[in-house]
Protein backbone atom coordinates (compact mmCIF):
# COMPACT_ATOMS: atom_id res chain seq x y z
CA MET A 1 0.00 0.00 0.00
CA ASP A 2 1.38 3.38 -1.03
CA ASP A 3 0.81 5.75 1.86
CA HIS A 4 2.11 8.84 0.02
CA PHE A 5 -0.25 11.07 -1.95
CA GLU A 6 -0.90 14.69 -2.91
CA ILE A 7 -3.62 16.98 -1.55
CA PRO A 8 -4.90 19.48 -4.14
CA VAL A 9 -5.79 22.84 -2.59
CA VAL A 10 -6.69 26.19 -4.15
CA TYR A 11 -5.43 28.95 -1.88
CA ASN A 12 -5.05 32.67 -2.69
CA GLY A 13 -5.83 31.94 -6.34
CA LYS A 14 -3.02 29.38 -6.63
CA GLU A 15 -3.39 25.66 -7.15
CA LEU A 16 -1.21 23.83 -4.64
CA SER A 17 -0.37 20.15 -4.54
CA LEU A 18 0.72 19.39 -0.98
CA PRO A 19 2.65 16.18 -0.27
CA ALA A 20 0.97 13.99 2.33
CA ARG A 21 1.21 10.52 3.83
CA LEU A 22 -0.78 8.28 6.14
CA VAL A 23 0.66 7.67 9.60
CA SER A 24 -0.79 4.97 11.84
CA ALA A 25 -0.88 5.72 15.56
CA GLY A 26 -2.66 3.00 17.49
CA TYR A 27 -6.31 3.03 16.47
CA ILE A 28 -6.01 6.37 14.67
CA THR A 29 -4.71 7.06 11.19
CA ARG A 30 -3.29 10.55 10.97
CA ILE A 31 -2.48 12.42 7.79
CA GLU A 32 0.89 14.15 7.70
CA VAL A 33 0.88 17.14 5.33
CA THR A 34 3.94 19.18 4.39
CA VAL A 35 3.32 22.89 3.79
CA GLU A 36 6.55 24.52 2.68
CA ASN A 37 8.92 23.32 5.43
CA ASP A 38 6.30 22.74 8.12
CA VAL A 39 4.92 19.27 8.83
CA ILE A 40 1.35 19.28 10.11
CA LEU A 41 -0.49 16.23 11.42
CA PHE A 42 -4.24 16.08 10.87
CA GLU A 43 -6.18 13.62 13.00
CA PRO A 44 -9.90 12.87 13.08
CA ASP A 45 -11.90 14.64 15.77
CA GLU A 46 -15.15 13.71 17.52
CA GLU A 47 -17.31 15.83 15.17
CA GLY A 48 -16.17 14.04 12.00
CA GLY A 49 -13.69 16.73 11.04
CA TYR A 50 -9.93 16.97 11.51
CA ARG A 51 -7.74 18.85 13.95
CA ALA A 52 -4.31 20.15 12.98
CA MET A 53 -1.32 19.44 15.20
CA PHE A 54 2.22 20.67 14.65
CA ASN A 55 5.20 18.37 15.26
CA HIS A 56 7.25 21.24 16.63
CA LEU A 57 6.87 24.69 18.09
CA THR A 58 7.09 27.22 15.31
CA GLU A 59 10.09 29.46 15.74
CA ILE A 60 9.51 33.21 15.72
CA ASP A 61 11.42 33.71 12.47
CA LYS A 62 9.55 30.93 10.61
CA THR A 63 6.44 31.49 8.55
CA VAL A 64 3.28 30.38 10.32
CA VAL A 65 0.81 28.40 8.23
CA PRO A 66 -2.31 30.58 7.78
CA VAL A 67 -5.52 29.33 9.39
CA GLU A 68 -7.35 29.73 6.07
CA LEU A 69 -4.95 27.27 4.42
CA LEU A 70 -5.44 24.78 7.25
CA GLN A 71 -9.21 25.09 6.77
CA LYS A 72 -8.87 24.43 3.03
CA ILE A 73 -6.82 21.29 3.73
CA VAL A 74 -9.42 20.07 6.23
CA SER A 75 -12.16 20.69 3.68
CA VAL A 76 -10.36 18.52 1.11
CA LEU A 77 -9.75 15.77 3.69
CA LYS A 78 -13.41 15.76 4.77
CA SER A 79 -14.67 15.59 1.17
CA ALA A 80 -12.29 12.70 0.39
CA ASN A 81 -13.50 10.83 3.48
CA LYS A 82 -17.16 10.74 2.38
């Protein structure tokens, strides 16, 4: 099984193809998405959506991933999960 795939997202008028992979953690399968140099884990929540978790604390001089982009990624994940 190939656990690597791309997530297509339209953000700020640009079409992005974000690299992603499935990560098993006990009973949960998380989705690891790379946005520029940041790795974000998305895991299912109780409401049927996804919550974003960062693997590290973002340093002050690094770019923070915009909330709107995280919401777009979650929207794509939810639509693919139907």
